[in-house]
Amino acid sequence: MYMLKVAKFGGSSVANAEQFQKVKEIVLSDKSRSIIVTSASGKSDQNDSKLTDLLYLLYEHYKYGVDAEMIIDKISGKLSSIQKELNLSSKLMDEFSDYVESISSRTHLDEIVSRGEYFTAKLLSEYLSYYFVDAKDLIIFNYDLSLNYQAMEERLYKVLRDTPKIVVPGFYGSLPNGDIKIMDRGGSDITGSILANLSNASCYENWTDVSGILKADPRIINNPKQIDVITYDELRELSYMGASVLHEEAIFPVKEKNIPIQILNTNDPTNKGTTILNTVETERKQEITGIAGKKDFSIITIFKAHMSNERGTLLAALRVLDTYQLRVEHIPTGIDMFSLVIETKHLENSLYEVLGKLQEACNSDRIDVVHEISLIAVVSRFMKQKTGMSGRLFGSLGSKGINISLISQTSDESNIIVGVNNEDYDKTIQTIYHEFEGGVA
């Protein structure tokens, strides 16, 4: 296959006719942008609705036998306004009307919800004069929901051999029996990543409404710096802890072939954005890559005398949590104690039952529980190379009177996670950012 780029455009990039025009300018400005992936049309203003949200509502109306005419009119109006303003063919609206006629209470959720990407891609392909390829014919799931890469590669090769410029809907694919299967919300990122892998793309561009990835949440830090280059592993850490510019599962297909990802802004296309690579050979002087966090964790601490001389206590506790399908975020340990860090929302309906089972399984002397804990990750590929970073981090928090409930650091020293009270969440991020990046704490 020849060198090409895969460009994925998010919902805000195709929210209305004006945004479609921006997309066209971007796509046609680089002939190597051969595979275009689109999300469903997003909100054009505060009074508008995302196409996907409307389709979820449509499914519920049909499922429970509620009149859906108002929802259908909103969906139709959103699509037709783009079609008319761009002077596109009216055949799409006829197809939409025919589809609505085919819906019944038995129509599967995945099929209905996938139509947001489907009809948006139909509009975009006509506007770009690119060939439309239905995602169900390219993205193939096995029945265990793993991806059939061999089948997908063969199908994509045949498509690109005949039609080198294509538009593909994101967010869904099909099972071996042809049934449509949707991904998690944000799954269009994954579709683009899969197609970049299959086509051996030179680059995977992810166009959204922000200029790359920021070092911290702009709601907490005023005008935070932009990350120029980040590794896949660093992005995984930040994504897991709440940074949500790119779906975290979109990293794996491109990481396998070391295909760079670029996070770019449809509304500011000259901004270089953020480049994501497997390894970064040249570095500019910096100390941290980024800061991200989540609120509302609980810490369950189990105390038992002489625990360090026993075997199986931790295993017994983990078996209890597995019974309740609880995921443990971190396990800090001491000589005669260990803690289990769990998202509070997952404990809401079973906390006291879980504590009773833990007491019984571990035969503990005491169990303490602390709620309203935030976890904040400081991610940096530079920690190994620079001494004293941990000391600066803890010293800065101490100087602001911030109490640390938990400390966790990976063996490769790529990140440090601190646990603080929810009420200190913003203050902690501001203090860390000020220490390493300057500005007002």
Protein backbone atom coordinates (compact mmCIF):
# COMPACT_ATOMS: atom_id res chain seq x y z
CA MET A 1 0.00 0.00 0.00
CA TYR A 2 1.11 3.54 -0.72
CA MET A 3 1.80 6.14 1.96
CA LEU A 4 -1.38 7.74 3.20
CA LYS A 5 -2.91 9.50 6.18
CA VAL A 6 -6.04 8.57 8.07
CA ALA A 7 -7.96 11.61 9.31
CA LYS A 8 -10.74 11.25 11.86
CA PHE A 9 -13.11 14.16 12.54
CA GLY A 10 -15.05 14.37 15.79
CA GLY A 11 -18.67 15.35 16.28
CA SER A 12 -17.93 19.05 16.78
CA SER A 13 -16.07 19.08 13.45
CA VAL A 14 -19.22 18.01 11.59
CA ALA A 15 -21.84 19.74 13.73
CA ASN A 16 -23.19 21.98 10.95
CA ALA A 17 -22.57 23.14 7.38
CA GLU A 18 -19.94 25.68 8.42
CA GLN A 19 -17.91 22.95 10.13
CA PHE A 20 -18.26 20.71 7.07
CA GLN A 21 -16.67 23.47 5.03
CA LYS A 22 -13.69 23.59 7.41
CA VAL A 23 -13.31 19.83 7.14
CA LYS A 24 -13.29 20.01 3.35
CA GLU A 25 -10.57 22.68 3.35
CA ILE A 26 -8.44 20.54 5.67
CA VAL A 27 -8.91 17.30 3.72
CA LEU A 28 -8.27 18.79 0.29
CA SER A 29 -5.19 20.70 1.47
CA ASP A 30 -3.24 17.42 1.74
CA LYS A 31 -3.62 14.80 -0.97
CA SER A 32 -2.33 12.06 1.33
CA ARG A 33 -5.48 12.30 3.48
CA SER A 34 -7.05 9.29 1.80
CA ILE A 35 -9.13 7.63 4.54
CA ILE A 36 -11.57 9.93 6.34
CA VAL A 37 -13.42 8.73 9.43
CA THR A 38 -16.26 10.74 10.93
CA SER A 39 -18.20 10.75 14.17
CA ALA A 40 -21.91 11.53 14.21
CA SER A 41 -22.79 15.21 13.90
CA GLY A 42 -22.39 16.93 17.27
CA LYS A 43 -23.87 20.02 18.89
CA SER A 44 -23.56 23.24 16.91
CA ASP A 45 -24.68 25.36 19.89
CA GLN A 46 -26.13 25.03 23.39
CA ASN A 47 -29.66 24.61 22.04
CA ASP A 48 -28.67 21.84 19.64
CA SER A 49 -28.40 18.10 20.36
CA LYS A 50 -25.84 15.49 19.42
CA LEU A 51 -27.14 13.14 16.75
CA THR A 52 -26.10 10.11 18.81
CA ASP A 53 -28.05 11.34 21.85
CA LEU A 54 -31.16 11.80 19.71
CA LEU A 55 -30.81 8.27 18.34
CA TYR A 56 -30.56 6.79 21.83
CA LEU A 57 -33.81 8.62 22.61
CA LEU A 58 -35.34 7.32 19.39
CA TYR A 59 -34.51 3.75 20.39
CA GLU A 60 -36.15 4.23 23.81
CA HIS A 61 -39.30 5.68 22.22
CA TYR A 62 -39.70 2.70 19.89
CA LYS A 63 -38.81 0.18 22.58
CA TYR A 64 -41.54 1.42 24.92
CA GLY A 65 -44.09 2.31 22.26
CA VAL A 66 -43.91 6.08 22.81
CA ASP A 67 -44.63 8.43 19.90
CA ALA A 68 -41.27 9.35 18.35
CA GLU A 69 -42.36 11.98 15.82
CA MET A 70 -40.70 14.87 17.66
CA ILE A 71 -37.36 13.02 17.90
CA ILE A 72 -37.52 12.01 14.24
CA ASP A 73 -38.19 15.64 13.25
CA LYS A 74 -35.13 16.80 15.22
CA ILE A 75 -32.89 14.23 13.57
CA SER A 76 -34.30 14.96 10.13
CA GLY A 77 -33.95 18.71 10.67
CA LYS A 78 -30.31 18.39 11.71
CA LEU A 79 -29.40 16.31 8.67
CA SER A 80 -31.48 18.27 6.17
CA SER A 81 -30.10 21.64 7.29
CA ILE A 82 -26.56 20.46 6.48
CA GLN A 83 -27.69 18.90 3.22
CA LYS A 84 -29.50 22.06 2.06
CA GLU A 85 -26.80 24.55 3.11
CA LEU A 86 -24.15 22.55 1.26
CA ASN A 87 -26.39 22.01 -1.79
CA LEU A 88 -26.10 18.26 -1.56
CA SER A 89 -28.40 15.65 -3.06
CA SER A 90 -31.78 15.18 -1.41
CA LYS A 91 -31.51 11.38 -1.82
CA LEU A 92 -30.02 11.12 1.67
CA MET A 93 -33.20 12.41 3.27
CA ASP A 94 -35.23 9.91 1.26
CA GLU A 95 -32.96 7.17 2.58
CA PHE A 96 -33.43 8.47 6.13
CA SER A 97 -37.23 8.45 5.71
CA ASP A 98 -37.10 4.89 4.41
CA TYR A 99 -34.96 3.85 7.36
CA VAL A 100 -37.37 5.36 9.88
CA GLU A 101 -40.20 3.41 8.22
CA SER A 102 -38.26 0.20 8.83
CA ILE A 103 -37.78 0.75 12.58
CA SER A 104 -39.90 -1.23 15.03
CA SER A 105 -39.80 -2.11 18.72
CA ARG A 106 -37.63 -5.10 17.75
CA THR A 107 -34.93 -3.04 16.02
CA HIS A 108 -31.66 -3.46 17.90
CA LEU A 109 -30.12 -0.53 19.81
CA ASP A 110 -26.78 -0.87 18.02
CA GLU A 111 -28.35 -0.52 14.59
CA ILE A 112 -30.35 2.61 15.47
CA VAL A 113 -27.53 4.39 17.30
CA SER A 114 -25.03 3.65 14.53
CA ARG A 115 -27.10 5.66 12.04
CA GLY A 116 -25.63 8.91 13.37
CA GLU A 117 -22.21 8.09 11.98
CA TYR A 118 -23.74 6.42 8.92
CA PHE A 119 -25.77 9.43 7.72
CA THR A 120 -23.06 11.95 8.70
CA ALA A 121 -20.54 9.96 6.64
CA LYS A 122 -22.98 9.86 3.72
CA LEU A 123 -23.19 13.65 3.76
CA LEU A 124 -19.44 14.08 4.13
CA SER A 125 -18.54 11.63 1.36
CA GLU A 126 -20.77 13.46 -1.12
CA TYR A 127 -19.42 16.84 -0.05
CA LEU A 128 -15.79 15.71 -0.40
CA SER A 129 -16.48 13.65 -3.55
CA TYR A 130 -14.95 10.67 -1.73
CA TYR A 131 -16.34 7.14 -1.95
CA PHE A 132 -18.58 6.06 0.96
CA VAL A 133 -17.68 2.73 2.57
CA ASP A 134 -19.99 1.40 5.28
CA ALA A 135 -18.11 0.54 8.47
CA LYS A 136 -20.01 -2.74 8.72
CA ASP A 137 -18.14 -3.87 5.60
CA LEU A 138 -14.70 -2.95 6.99
CA ILE A 139 -14.68 -3.25 10.79
CA ILE A 140 -15.29 -6.92 11.57
CA PHE A 141 -15.78 -8.28 15.09
CA ASN A 142 -15.57 -11.93 16.05
CA TYR A 143 -18.38 -13.22 18.27
CA ASP A 144 -16.16 -12.74 21.33
CA LEU A 145 -15.91 -9.04 20.26
CA SER A 146 -12.24 -9.30 19.35
CA LEU A 147 -11.32 -7.82 15.97
CA ASN A 148 -10.74 -9.99 12.92
CA TYR A 149 -7.67 -8.23 11.54
CA GLN A 150 -7.10 -10.67 8.69
CA ALA A 151 -10.62 -10.20 7.30
CA MET A 152 -10.44 -6.43 7.77
CA GLU A 153 -7.07 -6.12 6.03
CA GLU A 154 -8.30 -8.11 3.03
CA ARG A 155 -11.44 -6.00 2.71
CA LEU A 156 -9.64 -2.67 3.05
CA TYR A 157 -7.04 -3.71 0.47
CA LYS A 158 -9.76 -4.46 -2.07
CA VAL A 159 -11.50 -1.13 -1.38
CA LEU A 160 -8.35 1.01 -1.67
CA ARG A 161 -7.24 -0.84 -4.79
CA ASP A 162 -10.34 0.43 -6.60
CA THR A 163 -11.24 3.63 -4.68
CA PRO A 164 -8.24 5.25 -2.97
CA LYS A 165 -10.26 8.12 -1.42
CA ILE A 166 -12.89 6.94 1.05
CA VAL A 167 -15.10 8.13 3.92
CA VAL A 168 -15.93 5.60 6.64
CA PRO A 169 -18.40 6.04 9.52
CA GLY A 170 -16.78 5.58 12.92
CA PHE A 171 -18.10 3.94 16.09
CA TYR A 172 -19.44 0.65 14.70
CA GLY A 173 -18.68 -2.50 12.75
CA SER A 174 -20.37 -5.85 12.27
CA LEU A 175 -20.42 -9.37 13.68
CA PRO A 176 -19.81 -12.43 11.47
CA ASN A 177 -23.58 -12.77 10.90
CA GLY A 178 -23.76 -9.19 9.61
CA ASP A 179 -25.42 -7.65 12.67
CA ILE A 180 -24.18 -4.18 13.54
CA LYS A 181 -22.07 -3.82 16.68
CA ILE A 182 -21.31 -0.40 18.19
CA MET A 183 -18.27 0.50 20.29
CA ASP A 184 -18.08 2.56 23.49
CA ARG A 185 -18.87 6.26 23.20
CA GLY A 186 -15.89 7.89 21.53
CA GLY A 187 -15.36 4.73 19.50
CA SER A 188 -14.80 6.64 16.26
CA ASP A 189 -11.27 7.26 17.58
CA ILE A 190 -10.82 3.49 17.62
CA THR A 191 -12.17 3.10 14.08
CA GLY A 192 -9.60 5.59 12.80
CA SER A 193 -6.83 3.83 14.70
CA ILE A 194 -7.79 0.42 13.28
CA LEU A 195 -7.85 1.76 9.72
CA ALA A 196 -4.47 3.44 10.25
CA ASN A 197 -3.08 0.07 11.34
CA LEU A 198 -4.63 -1.83 8.42
CA SER A 199 -3.46 0.69 5.82
CA ASN A 200 0.03 1.12 7.34
CA ALA A 201 -0.68 4.83 7.39
CA SER A 202 2.15 7.32 7.73
CA CYS A 203 0.08 9.23 10.29
CA TYR A 204 -3.25 9.09 12.09
CA GLU A 205 -4.76 12.57 12.45
CA ASN A 206 -7.46 13.04 15.06
CA TRP A 207 -9.28 16.32 14.44
CA THR A 208 -11.32 17.72 17.30
CA ASP A 209 -12.18 21.10 18.87
CA VAL A 210 -9.01 21.54 20.92
CA SER A 211 -5.45 22.26 19.79
CA GLY A 212 -3.73 19.15 21.04
CA ILE A 213 -3.46 17.89 24.60
CA LEU A 214 -2.94 20.31 27.48
CA LYS A 215 -0.65 19.74 30.45
CA ALA A 216 -3.55 20.20 32.85
CA ASP A 217 -7.30 20.78 32.96
CA PRO A 218 -7.99 24.35 31.73
CA ARG A 219 -10.93 24.53 34.16
CA ILE A 220 -8.36 24.36 36.96
CA ILE A 221 -5.26 25.94 35.41
CA ASN A 222 -5.63 29.21 33.55
CA ASN A 223 -4.28 28.79 30.02
CA PRO A 224 -2.18 25.63 30.61
CA LYS A 225 0.67 24.87 28.24
CA GLN A 226 0.13 22.55 25.29
CA ILE A 227 1.99 19.23 25.11
CA ASP A 228 4.03 19.17 21.91
CA VAL A 229 5.11 15.52 22.00
CA ILE A 230 3.92 12.68 24.22
CA THR A 231 4.54 8.93 24.21
CA TYR A 232 1.77 6.34 23.89
CA ASP A 233 2.46 5.13 27.44
CA GLU A 234 2.24 8.63 28.88
CA LEU A 235 -1.02 9.23 27.07
CA ARG A 236 -2.43 5.97 28.45
CA GLU A 237 -1.61 7.14 31.97
CA LEU A 238 -3.21 10.54 31.45
CA SER A 239 -6.26 9.10 29.66
CA TYR A 240 -6.86 6.56 32.42
CA MET A 241 -6.77 9.33 35.00
CA GLY A 242 -9.31 11.49 33.23
CA ALA A 243 -7.69 13.29 30.29
CA SER A 244 -10.25 12.61 27.55
CA VAL A 245 -9.04 14.11 24.27
CA LEU A 246 -8.58 10.64 22.73
CA HIS A 247 -10.29 7.33 23.55
CA GLU A 248 -7.66 5.33 25.45
CA GLU A 249 -8.37 2.14 23.45
CA ALA A 250 -7.44 4.00 20.23
CA ILE A 251 -3.77 3.83 21.17
CA PHE A 252 -3.20 0.09 20.79
CA PRO A 253 -3.77 -0.46 17.04
CA VAL A 254 -1.34 2.31 16.07
CA LYS A 255 1.19 1.65 18.82
CA GLU A 256 1.73 -1.83 17.40
CA LYS A 257 3.13 -0.30 14.19
CA ASN A 258 4.53 2.89 15.74
CA ILE A 259 2.21 5.06 13.66
CA PRO A 260 2.21 8.61 15.05
CA ILE A 261 -1.07 10.16 16.17
CA GLN A 262 -1.62 13.89 15.81
CA ILE A 263 -4.29 15.64 17.87
CA LEU A 264 -5.39 18.67 15.82
CA ASN A 265 -8.02 21.41 15.94
CA THR A 266 -10.54 21.73 13.10
CA ASN A 267 -11.11 25.35 14.12
CA ASP A 268 -7.38 26.17 14.23
CA PRO A 269 -5.79 23.96 11.55
CA THR A 270 -2.43 25.78 11.52
CA ASN A 271 -1.75 24.82 15.14
CA LYS A 272 0.67 21.87 15.18
CA GLY A 273 -1.25 20.25 18.03
CA THR A 274 0.18 17.28 19.92
CA THR A 275 2.09 14.39 18.37
CA ILE A 276 1.92 10.96 20.04
CA LEU A 277 4.81 8.55 19.42
CA ASN A 278 6.04 5.22 20.73
CA THR A 279 9.45 6.66 21.59
CA VAL A 280 10.77 10.20 21.48
CA GLU A 281 14.41 10.50 20.45
CA THR A 282 14.95 14.25 20.69
CA GLU A 283 13.78 16.18 23.72
CA ARG A 284 13.31 19.80 24.52
CA LYS A 285 13.94 20.86 28.08
CA GLN A 286 10.92 20.07 30.25
CA GLU A 287 10.17 18.21 33.44
CA ILE A 288 6.61 16.92 33.46
CA THR A 289 4.45 15.84 30.56
CA GLY A 290 1.06 16.37 32.15
CA ILE A 291 -1.20 16.24 35.21
CA ALA A 292 -4.59 14.51 35.39
CA GLY A 293 -6.85 13.22 38.11
CA LYS A 294 -10.15 11.80 39.28
CA LYS A 295 -12.28 12.44 42.34
CA ASP A 296 -14.35 10.20 44.58
CA PHE A 297 -12.34 7.16 45.60
CA SER A 298 -12.58 5.15 48.82
CA ILE A 299 -9.64 3.60 50.68
CA ILE A 300 -10.36 0.40 52.61
CA THR A 301 -7.47 -0.41 54.98
CA ILE A 302 -7.19 -3.86 56.56
CA PHE A 303 -5.10 -4.21 59.74
CA LYS A 304 -3.91 -7.56 61.09
CA ALA A 305 -1.10 -8.28 63.55
CA HIS A 306 1.76 -10.38 62.10
CA MET A 307 0.24 -10.20 58.63
CA SER A 308 3.71 -10.09 57.11
CA ASN A 309 4.36 -13.60 58.47
CA GLU A 310 1.23 -15.05 56.88
CA ARG A 311 0.39 -16.08 53.34
CA GLY A 312 -2.84 -15.53 51.44
CA THR A 313 -4.42 -12.59 53.30
CA LEU A 314 -4.20 -10.21 50.36
CA LEU A 315 -5.33 -12.95 47.98
CA ALA A 316 -8.37 -13.62 50.18
CA ALA A 317 -9.29 -9.92 50.10
CA LEU A 318 -8.96 -9.74 46.32
CA ARG A 319 -11.19 -12.79 45.95
CA VAL A 320 -13.89 -11.01 47.93
CA LEU A 321 -13.65 -7.97 45.67
CA ASP A 322 -13.73 -10.18 42.60
CA THR A 323 -16.98 -11.73 43.84
CA TYR A 324 -18.51 -8.23 43.82
CA GLN A 325 -16.81 -7.36 40.51
CA LEU A 326 -14.92 -4.49 42.14
CA ARG A 327 -11.82 -3.14 40.42
CA VAL A 328 -8.88 -2.14 42.61
CA GLU A 329 -6.98 0.96 41.50
CA HIS A 330 -4.03 0.71 43.91
CA ILE A 331 -2.85 -1.49 46.80
CA PRO A 332 -0.50 0.39 49.17
CA THR A 333 1.00 -1.98 51.76
CA GLY A 334 2.66 -1.88 55.18
CA ILE A 335 4.04 -4.51 57.58
CA ASP A 336 0.71 -5.41 59.19
CA MET A 337 -1.74 -3.67 56.85
CA PHE A 338 -2.70 -3.04 53.26
CA SER A 339 -5.14 -0.69 51.58
CA LEU A 340 -7.52 -1.21 48.69
CA VAL A 341 -8.35 1.86 46.61
CA ILE A 342 -11.71 1.60 44.82
CA GLU A 343 -13.98 4.08 43.06
CA THR A 344 -16.67 5.02 45.59
CA LYS A 345 -19.56 4.73 43.11
CA HIS A 346 -18.87 1.00 42.74
CA LEU A 347 -19.25 0.50 46.50
CA GLU A 348 -22.46 2.47 47.00
CA ASN A 349 -24.81 -0.53 47.10
CA SER A 350 -22.55 -3.08 48.74
CA LEU A 351 -20.08 -1.32 51.06
CA TYR A 352 -21.12 -2.87 54.39
CA GLU A 353 -21.61 -6.29 52.87
CA VAL A 354 -18.13 -6.09 51.30
CA LEU A 355 -16.59 -4.99 54.61
CA GLY A 356 -18.23 -7.92 56.39
CA LYS A 357 -16.91 -10.38 53.82
CA LEU A 358 -13.42 -8.85 54.02
CA GLN A 359 -13.44 -9.14 57.83
CA GLU A 360 -14.46 -12.78 57.56
CA ALA A 361 -12.02 -13.69 54.76
CA CYS A 362 -8.99 -11.92 56.27
CA ASN A 363 -9.78 -12.44 59.97
CA SER A 364 -8.58 -8.87 60.42
CA ASP A 365 -8.12 -6.95 63.66
CA ARG A 366 -9.62 -3.76 62.23
CA ILE A 367 -10.88 -2.31 58.96
CA ASP A 368 -10.91 1.44 58.33
CA VAL A 369 -12.65 3.20 55.44
CA VAL A 370 -11.95 6.69 54.12
CA HIS A 371 -14.10 8.31 51.45
CA GLU A 372 -13.87 11.47 49.33
CA ILE A 373 -10.33 10.84 48.11
CA SER A 374 -8.96 12.17 44.82
CA LEU A 375 -6.16 10.52 42.86
CA ILE A 376 -3.87 12.83 40.90
CA ALA A 377 -1.24 11.52 38.48
CA VAL A 378 1.90 13.45 37.55
CA VAL A 379 3.15 11.84 34.34
CA SER A 380 6.65 12.30 32.93
CA ARG A 381 9.12 10.27 30.91
CA PHE A 382 11.87 12.48 32.41
CA MET A 383 11.63 11.33 36.04
CA LYS A 384 14.36 8.70 35.70
CA GLN A 385 16.76 11.25 34.26
CA LYS A 386 16.20 13.97 36.86
CA THR A 387 16.80 13.55 40.57
CA GLY A 388 14.75 15.34 43.17
CA MET A 389 11.46 15.55 41.30
CA SER A 390 9.58 13.57 43.97
CA GLY A 391 11.06 15.76 46.69
CA ARG A 392 9.95 18.92 44.89
CA LEU A 393 6.47 17.48 44.40
CA PHE A 394 5.93 16.52 48.03
CA GLY A 395 7.65 19.65 49.32
CA SER A 396 5.37 21.92 47.27
CA LEU A 397 2.26 20.15 48.54
CA GLY A 398 3.51 20.31 52.12
CA SER A 399 4.15 24.03 51.85
CA LYS A 400 0.48 24.51 50.93
CA GLY A 401 -0.74 22.41 53.84
CA ILE A 402 -2.10 19.64 51.59
CA ASN A 403 -2.31 16.29 53.36
CA ILE A 404 -1.35 13.26 51.24
CA SER A 405 -3.35 10.10 51.94
CA LEU A 406 -1.65 7.85 49.40
CA ILE A 407 1.53 7.72 47.32
CA SER A 408 2.09 5.33 44.41
CA GLN A 409 4.94 5.26 41.90
CA THR A 410 5.56 2.76 39.13
CA SER A 411 8.90 0.95 38.93
CA ASP A 412 9.73 2.63 35.62
CA GLU A 413 9.23 6.00 37.36
CA SER A 414 6.97 7.27 34.58
CA ASN A 415 4.40 8.66 36.99
CA ILE A 416 3.65 9.50 40.59
CA ILE A 417 0.10 9.23 41.93
CA VAL A 418 -0.93 11.04 45.09
CA GLY A 419 -4.18 10.70 46.97
CA VAL A 420 -5.63 13.82 48.61
CA ASN A 421 -8.98 14.90 49.98
CA ASN A 422 -11.56 15.86 47.37
CA GLU A 423 -11.63 19.38 48.76
CA ASP A 424 -7.91 19.75 47.94
CA TYR A 425 -8.24 18.47 44.35
CA ASP A 426 -7.98 21.79 42.49
CA LYS A 427 -5.41 23.19 44.91
CA THR A 428 -3.19 20.11 44.48
CA ILE A 429 -3.17 20.35 40.69
CA GLN A 430 -2.52 24.10 40.82
CA THR A 431 0.36 23.62 43.25
CA ILE A 432 2.02 20.88 41.19
CA TYR A 433 1.62 22.81 37.95
CA HIS A 434 3.10 25.94 39.52
CA GLU A 435 6.08 23.97 40.89
CA PHE A 436 7.07 22.47 37.54
CA GLU A 437 5.63 24.84 34.93
CA GLY A 438 5.51 28.22 36.67
CA GLY A 439 2.52 30.52 36.86
CA VAL A 440 0.28 31.39 39.79
CA ALA A 441 -0.44 28.60 42.24
